[in-house]
Each structure stands twice: as C-alpha cells, then as structure tokens.
C-alpha cells in the first residue's frame, strides 16, 4: 500500500458499497465483504485475547496469527491476490501439535470458560468458525485460495486447544459439560 489512509470518513460507502483493493466497488453485503468482515472481527478478538496475561509462547503465536489474518484480509480485499500460503497452514499445524502435547487427552466435552483468557480464546474459536463459514460461502460464488479455508479451520482448532492450554497454565480446570440427566 503506497498511500496510507489519512482520511477515514470518506463518505464513499454511503451508497451501500465499499471499495476493494483493486479499485472496484461492491455491495457491503456481498459474500466477499462478509468474509473480510468476519476475518477482521476474528483478528480483533485475538487482539482482545492479547490484552490478557498469557504465556510468552502463546502471545508470540497470537501475534503471528494476527499478521497472518491481516494477510488473509489483503487477499480477500484484492480479488486474484494470493497472500496466505501452505507454509502458514503448516505453521499452525506445528503449533497445534506443540500445545496438544502439553495437554491430557480430552475424554469429555468442555464448556467455554474456566479462566477469562480461556473464555476469550473460545470466543476467538467461534469467531474463526464463523469466518470459515463466510469464506466457504464466498468460495461457492467466487474462486478462493484453498489455504484460506484450511488456515481458518486449523485456527479454530488451535484456539480450542489454546483455551485448554491457558487454563492449565493458570491452574484452572476446564468446565466439563454435564448432560441434562446429570444436572437433575
């Protein structure tokens, strides 16, 4: 981006359209904009998670993920542009294996929560799933680079594992789901 934005209130979107990185304009409710918005929201939720006190490796990984998501936003904003690679997906796979190795096997369903940072990680997980659904919807009408879908799928898994990892690091138990029969 040669020119940085200096004016934010451009009023060009008042007609219900928004500009893409290639200069074209599309409706604000187009599948591409829905996917872009959900990825942006996911990045914001991860930013919120980064305000929590976290293990250093988690913070470093989340910062890398934020940069990857910004790359993804650029790719979604510029039709035909490729910015998300298989290497980024492989990196998430490696980090998923790293954190999973530190956790006991999961034998029951867990509820989102435990500690505040874990709860925010679960928010990121569900936001990642929504972003993935939006990208799949976009892929139904336009071409989408496969690593984008793969990255979001791995990221939602990683956020689930990070929620468990964070709880464990904080000495907090996961909250196990008790079926209706058990709650009576």
C-alpha atoms as a PDB file:
ATOM      1  CA  UNK A   1       0.000   0.000   0.000  1.00  0.00           C
ATOM      2  CA  UNK A   2       1.881   3.038  -1.265  1.00  0.00           C
ATOM      3  CA  UNK A   3      -0.500   5.593   0.251  1.00  0.00           C
ATOM      4  CA  UNK A   4      -1.664   5.133   3.801  1.00  0.00           C
ATOM      5  CA  UNK A   5      -5.165   6.251   4.707  1.00  0.00           C
ATOM      6  CA  UNK A   6      -5.165   9.737   6.132  1.00  0.00           C
ATOM      7  CA  UNK A   7      -8.906  10.376   5.836  1.00  0.00           C
ATOM      8  CA  UNK A   8     -11.133   7.755   7.428  1.00  0.00           C
ATOM      9  CA  UNK A   9     -14.580   9.321   6.909  1.00  0.00           C
ATOM     10  CA  UNK A  10     -14.573   9.274   3.104  1.00  0.00           C
ATOM     11  CA  UNK A  11     -18.373   9.007   2.746  1.00  0.00           C
ATOM     12  CA  UNK A  12     -17.829   6.847  -0.364  1.00  0.00           C
ATOM     13  CA  UNK A  13     -19.719   3.988   1.299  1.00  0.00           C
ATOM     14  CA  UNK A  14     -22.863   5.991   1.949  1.00  0.00           C
ATOM     15  CA  UNK A  15     -24.486   4.335  -1.077  1.00  0.00           C
ATOM     16  CA  UNK A  16     -24.114   0.852   0.438  1.00  0.00           C
ATOM     17  CA  UNK A  17     -20.996  -0.113  -1.481  1.00  0.00           C
ATOM     18  CA  UNK A  18     -17.397  -0.484  -0.423  1.00  0.00           C
ATOM     19  CA  UNK A  19     -14.127  -0.344  -2.291  1.00  0.00           C
ATOM     20  CA  UNK A  20     -11.876  -3.337  -2.823  1.00  0.00           C
ATOM     21  CA  UNK A  21      -8.110  -3.200  -3.055  1.00  0.00           C
ATOM     22  CA  UNK A  22      -8.259  -3.387  -6.854  1.00  0.00           C
ATOM     23  CA  UNK A  23     -10.346  -0.202  -7.006  1.00  0.00           C
ATOM     24  CA  UNK A  24     -13.661  -1.907  -7.772  1.00  0.00           C
ATOM     25  CA  UNK A  25     -16.753  -1.296  -5.647  1.00  0.00           C
ATOM     26  CA  UNK A  26     -19.172  -3.972  -4.448  1.00  0.00           C
ATOM     27  CA  UNK A  27     -22.201  -4.064  -2.137  1.00  0.00           C
ATOM     28  CA  UNK A  28     -21.382  -4.098   1.554  1.00  0.00           C
ATOM     29  CA  UNK A  29     -23.454  -7.274   1.953  1.00  0.00           C
ATOM     30  CA  UNK A  30     -21.540  -9.205  -0.746  1.00  0.00           C
ATOM     31  CA  UNK A  31     -20.071 -12.581   0.316  1.00  0.00           C
ATOM     32  CA  UNK A  32     -16.529 -11.220  -0.112  1.00  0.00           C
ATOM     33  CA  UNK A  33     -17.232  -8.382   2.314  1.00  0.00           C
ATOM     34  CA  UNK A  34     -18.918 -10.748   4.794  1.00  0.00           C
ATOM     35  CA  UNK A  35     -15.807 -12.966   4.747  1.00  0.00           C
ATOM     36  CA  UNK A  36     -13.492  -9.972   5.033  1.00  0.00           C
ATOM     37  CA  UNK A  37     -15.505  -8.574   7.945  1.00  0.00           C
ATOM     38  CA  UNK A  38     -15.539 -11.885   9.811  1.00  0.00           C
ATOM     39  CA  UNK A  39     -11.763 -12.249   9.402  1.00  0.00           C
ATOM     40  CA  UNK A  40     -11.341  -8.678  10.664  1.00  0.00           C
ATOM     41  CA  UNK A  41     -13.554  -9.434  13.671  1.00  0.00           C
ATOM     42  CA  UNK A  42     -11.517 -12.577  14.375  1.00  0.00           C
ATOM     43  CA  UNK A  43      -8.335 -10.505  14.338  1.00  0.00           C
ATOM     44  CA  UNK A  44      -9.951  -8.098  16.815  1.00  0.00           C
ATOM     45  CA  UNK A  45     -10.957 -10.925  19.174  1.00  0.00           C
ATOM     46  CA  UNK A  46      -7.383 -12.215  19.089  1.00  0.00           C
ATOM     47  CA  UNK A  47      -6.241  -8.665  19.845  1.00  0.00           C
ATOM     48  CA  UNK A  48      -8.537  -8.717  22.866  1.00  0.00           C
ATOM     49  CA  UNK A  49      -7.047 -12.049  23.949  1.00  0.00           C
ATOM     50  CA  UNK A  50      -3.585 -10.498  23.681  1.00  0.00           C
ATOM     51  CA  UNK A  51      -4.541  -7.942  26.360  1.00  0.00           C
ATOM     52  CA  UNK A  52      -4.711 -10.806  28.866  1.00  0.00           C
ATOM     53  CA  UNK A  53      -1.702 -12.102  30.782  1.00  0.00           C
ATOM     54  CA  UNK A  54      -0.623 -15.107  28.725  1.00  0.00           C
ATOM     55  CA  UNK A  55       2.345 -17.457  28.482  1.00  0.00           C
ATOM     56  CA  UNK A  56       5.036 -15.931  26.237  1.00  0.00           C
ATOM     57  CA  UNK A  57       4.768 -18.645  23.585  1.00  0.00           C
ATOM     58  CA  UNK A  58       1.018 -18.098  23.315  1.00  0.00           C
ATOM     59  CA  UNK A  59       1.441 -14.327  22.963  1.00  0.00           C
ATOM     60  CA  UNK A  60       4.096 -14.768  20.276  1.00  0.00           C
ATOM     61  CA  UNK A  61       1.914 -17.227  18.360  1.00  0.00           C
ATOM     62  CA  UNK A  62      -1.132 -14.963  18.593  1.00  0.00           C
ATOM     63  CA  UNK A  63       0.838 -12.017  17.217  1.00  0.00           C
ATOM     64  CA  UNK A  64       1.980 -14.143  14.268  1.00  0.00           C
ATOM     65  CA  UNK A  65      -1.636 -15.181  13.720  1.00  0.00           C
ATOM     66  CA  UNK A  66      -2.742 -11.546  13.701  1.00  0.00           C
ATOM     67  CA  UNK A  67      -0.245 -10.814  10.928  1.00  0.00           C
ATOM     68  CA  UNK A  68      -1.438 -13.895   9.015  1.00  0.00           C
ATOM     69  CA  UNK A  69      -5.044 -12.743   9.355  1.00  0.00           C
ATOM     70  CA  UNK A  70      -4.077  -9.334   8.035  1.00  0.00           C
ATOM     71  CA  UNK A  71      -2.503 -11.117   5.041  1.00  0.00           C
ATOM     72  CA  UNK A  72      -5.777 -13.004   4.660  1.00  0.00           C
ATOM     73  CA  UNK A  73      -7.713  -9.749   4.727  1.00  0.00           C
ATOM     74  CA  UNK A  74      -5.474  -8.380   1.978  1.00  0.00           C
ATOM     75  CA  UNK A  75      -6.116 -11.481  -0.101  1.00  0.00           C
ATOM     76  CA  UNK A  76      -9.864 -11.203   0.385  1.00  0.00           C
ATOM     77  CA  UNK A  77      -9.754  -7.470  -0.384  1.00  0.00           C
ATOM     78  CA  UNK A  78      -7.922  -7.868  -3.693  1.00  0.00           C
ATOM     79  CA  UNK A  79      -9.558 -10.451  -5.973  1.00  0.00           C
ATOM     80  CA  UNK A  80      -6.899 -12.685  -7.511  1.00  0.00           C
ATOM     81  CA  UNK A  81      -4.224 -11.726  -4.975  1.00  0.00           C
ATOM     82  CA  UNK A  82      -2.572 -14.595  -3.065  1.00  0.00           C
ATOM     83  CA  UNK A  83      -1.126 -13.893   0.385  1.00  0.00           C
ATOM     84  CA  UNK A  84      -1.927 -16.966   2.525  1.00  0.00           C
ATOM     85  CA  UNK A  85       0.318 -19.959   1.903  1.00  0.00           C
ATOM     86  CA  UNK A  86       0.504 -23.635   2.768  1.00  0.00           C
ATOM     87  CA  UNK A  87       3.519 -22.739   4.935  1.00  0.00           C
ATOM     88  CA  UNK A  88       1.274 -20.627   7.169  1.00  0.00           C
ATOM     89  CA  UNK A  89      -1.156 -23.544   7.462  1.00  0.00           C
ATOM     90  CA  UNK A  90       1.753 -25.903   8.264  1.00  0.00           C
ATOM     91  CA  UNK A  91       2.926 -23.491  10.969  1.00  0.00           C
ATOM     92  CA  UNK A  92      -0.498 -23.682  12.624  1.00  0.00           C
ATOM     93  CA  UNK A  93      -0.369 -27.484  12.404  1.00  0.00           C
ATOM     94  CA  UNK A  94       3.005 -27.435  14.188  1.00  0.00           C
ATOM     95  CA  UNK A  95       1.767 -25.109  16.924  1.00  0.00           C
ATOM     96  CA  UNK A  96      -1.358 -27.243  17.353  1.00  0.00           C
ATOM     97  CA  UNK A  97       0.869 -30.310  17.885  1.00  0.00           C
ATOM     98  CA  UNK A  98       3.054 -28.339  20.316  1.00  0.00           C
ATOM     99  CA  UNK A  99       0.180 -27.268  22.574  1.00  0.00           C
ATOM    100  CA  UNK A 100      -1.690 -30.575  22.291  1.00  0.00           C
ATOM    101  CA  UNK A 101       1.419 -32.400  23.534  1.00  0.00           C
ATOM    102  CA  UNK A 102       1.182 -30.477  26.828  1.00  0.00           C
ATOM    103  CA  UNK A 103      -2.450 -31.475  27.472  1.00  0.00           C
ATOM    104  CA  UNK A 104      -4.052 -34.634  28.780  1.00  0.00           C
ATOM    105  CA  UNK A 105      -6.406 -36.406  26.368  1.00  0.00           C
ATOM    106  CA  UNK A 106      -9.882 -34.922  26.314  1.00  0.00           C
ATOM    107  CA  UNK A 107     -12.462 -37.503  27.338  1.00  0.00           C
ATOM    108  CA  UNK A 108     -15.447 -35.224  27.841  1.00  0.00           C
ATOM    109  CA  UNK A 109     -16.960 -32.179  26.171  1.00  0.00           C
ATOM    110  CA  UNK A 110     -15.978 -28.901  27.783  1.00  0.00           C
ATOM    111  CA  UNK A 111     -17.880 -25.661  28.097  1.00  0.00           C
ATOM    112  CA  UNK A 112     -16.269 -22.385  27.060  1.00  0.00           C
ATOM    113  CA  UNK A 113     -14.712 -20.763  30.105  1.00  0.00           C
ATOM    114  CA  UNK A 114     -12.565 -21.696  33.033  1.00  0.00           C
ATOM    115  CA  UNK A 115     -10.438 -18.555  33.146  1.00  0.00           C
ATOM    116  CA  UNK A 116     -11.102 -15.233  31.429  1.00  0.00           C
ATOM    117  CA  UNK A 117      -8.282 -15.659  28.892  1.00  0.00           C
ATOM    118  CA  UNK A 118      -9.527 -19.167  28.033  1.00  0.00           C
ATOM    119  CA  UNK A 119     -13.054 -17.805  27.590  1.00  0.00           C
ATOM    120  CA  UNK A 120     -11.715 -15.171  25.179  1.00  0.00           C
ATOM    121  CA  UNK A 121      -9.829 -17.932  23.307  1.00  0.00           C
ATOM    122  CA  UNK A 122     -13.163 -19.734  22.959  1.00  0.00           C
ATOM    123  CA  UNK A 123     -14.660 -16.504  21.563  1.00  0.00           C
ATOM    124  CA  UNK A 124     -11.843 -16.472  19.016  1.00  0.00           C
ATOM    125  CA  UNK A 125     -12.586 -20.130  18.224  1.00  0.00           C
ATOM    126  CA  UNK A 126     -16.240 -19.452  17.470  1.00  0.00           C
ATOM    127  CA  UNK A 127     -15.394 -16.320  15.503  1.00  0.00           C
ATOM    128  CA  UNK A 128     -12.895 -18.354  13.456  1.00  0.00           C
ATOM    129  CA  UNK A 129     -15.628 -20.889  12.682  1.00  0.00           C
ATOM    130  CA  UNK A 130     -17.932 -18.086  11.507  1.00  0.00           C
ATOM    131  CA  UNK A 131     -15.158 -16.632   9.341  1.00  0.00           C
ATOM    132  CA  UNK A 132     -14.579 -20.093   7.895  1.00  0.00           C
ATOM    133  CA  UNK A 133     -18.281 -20.417   7.035  1.00  0.00           C
ATOM    134  CA  UNK A 134     -18.196 -16.997   5.353  1.00  0.00           C
ATOM    135  CA  UNK A 135     -15.147 -17.990   3.297  1.00  0.00           C
ATOM    136  CA  UNK A 136     -16.845 -21.248   2.282  1.00  0.00           C
ATOM    137  CA  UNK A 137     -19.907 -19.237   1.216  1.00  0.00           C
ATOM    138  CA  UNK A 138     -17.655 -16.934  -0.811  1.00  0.00           C
ATOM    139  CA  UNK A 139     -15.997 -19.967  -2.419  1.00  0.00           C
ATOM    140  CA  UNK A 140     -19.461 -21.041  -3.573  1.00  0.00           C
ATOM    141  CA  UNK A 141     -19.673 -17.997  -5.837  1.00  0.00           C
ATOM    142  CA  UNK A 142     -16.043 -16.948  -6.443  1.00  0.00           C
ATOM    143  CA  UNK A 143     -12.629 -18.586  -6.512  1.00  0.00           C
ATOM    144  CA  UNK A 144     -10.905 -18.693  -3.112  1.00  0.00           C
ATOM    145  CA  UNK A 145      -7.347 -19.812  -2.410  1.00  0.00           C
ATOM    146  CA  UNK A 146      -7.590 -23.163  -0.541  1.00  0.00           C
ATOM    147  CA  UNK A 147      -5.079 -22.221   2.201  1.00  0.00           C
ATOM    148  CA  UNK A 148      -7.505 -19.548   3.455  1.00  0.00           C
ATOM    149  CA  UNK A 149     -10.132 -22.176   4.313  1.00  0.00           C
ATOM    150  CA  UNK A 150      -7.511 -24.531   5.712  1.00  0.00           C
ATOM    151  CA  UNK A 151      -5.952 -21.788   7.843  1.00  0.00           C
ATOM    152  CA  UNK A 152      -9.275 -20.814   9.403  1.00  0.00           C
ATOM    153  CA  UNK A 153     -10.142 -24.451  10.064  1.00  0.00           C
ATOM    154  CA  UNK A 154      -6.791 -25.065  11.806  1.00  0.00           C
ATOM    155  CA  UNK A 155      -7.033 -21.775  13.661  1.00  0.00           C
ATOM    156  CA  UNK A 156     -10.382 -22.650  15.222  1.00  0.00           C
ATOM    157  CA  UNK A 157      -8.893 -25.960  16.384  1.00  0.00           C
ATOM    158  CA  UNK A 158      -5.831 -24.158  17.734  1.00  0.00           C
ATOM    159  CA  UNK A 159      -7.975 -21.684  19.660  1.00  0.00           C
ATOM    160  CA  UNK A 160      -9.818 -24.588  21.326  1.00  0.00           C
ATOM    161  CA  UNK A 161      -6.510 -26.182  22.300  1.00  0.00           C
ATOM    162  CA  UNK A 162      -5.124 -22.817  23.459  1.00  0.00           C
ATOM    163  CA  UNK A 163      -8.147 -22.320  25.712  1.00  0.00           C
ATOM    164  CA  UNK A 164      -7.361 -25.644  27.397  1.00  0.00           C
ATOM    165  CA  UNK A 165      -3.628 -24.856  27.486  1.00  0.00           C
ATOM    166  CA  UNK A 166      -4.201 -21.430  29.022  1.00  0.00           C
ATOM    167  CA  UNK A 167      -6.478 -22.891  31.704  1.00  0.00           C
ATOM    168  CA  UNK A 168      -3.834 -25.499  32.530  1.00  0.00           C
ATOM    169  CA  UNK A 169      -1.068 -22.866  32.691  1.00  0.00           C
ATOM    170  CA  UNK A 170      -3.219 -20.800  35.067  1.00  0.00           C
ATOM    171  CA  UNK A 171      -4.033 -23.813  37.253  1.00  0.00           C
ATOM    172  CA  UNK A 172      -7.689 -23.571  36.240  1.00  0.00           C
ATOM    173  CA  UNK A 173      -9.781 -26.610  35.435  1.00  0.00           C
ATOM    174  CA  UNK A 174     -11.780 -26.829  32.242  1.00  0.00           C
ATOM    175  CA  UNK A 175     -15.532 -26.790  32.807  1.00  0.00           C
ATOM    176  CA  UNK A 176     -16.911 -30.163  31.756  1.00  0.00           C
ATOM    177  CA  UNK A 177     -20.337 -30.424  30.179  1.00  0.00           C
ATOM    178  CA  UNK A 178     -22.881 -32.362  32.185  1.00  0.00           C
ATOM    179  CA  UNK A 179     -25.777 -33.708  30.162  1.00  0.00           C
ATOM    180  CA  UNK A 180     -29.355 -32.939  31.165  1.00  0.00           C
ATOM    181  CA  UNK A 181     -29.643 -36.192  33.128  1.00  0.00           C
ATOM    182  CA  UNK A 182     -26.543 -35.373  35.178  1.00  0.00           C
ATOM    183  CA  UNK A 183     -27.807 -31.857  36.032  1.00  0.00           C
ATOM    184  CA  UNK A 184     -31.036 -33.124  37.563  1.00  0.00           C
END
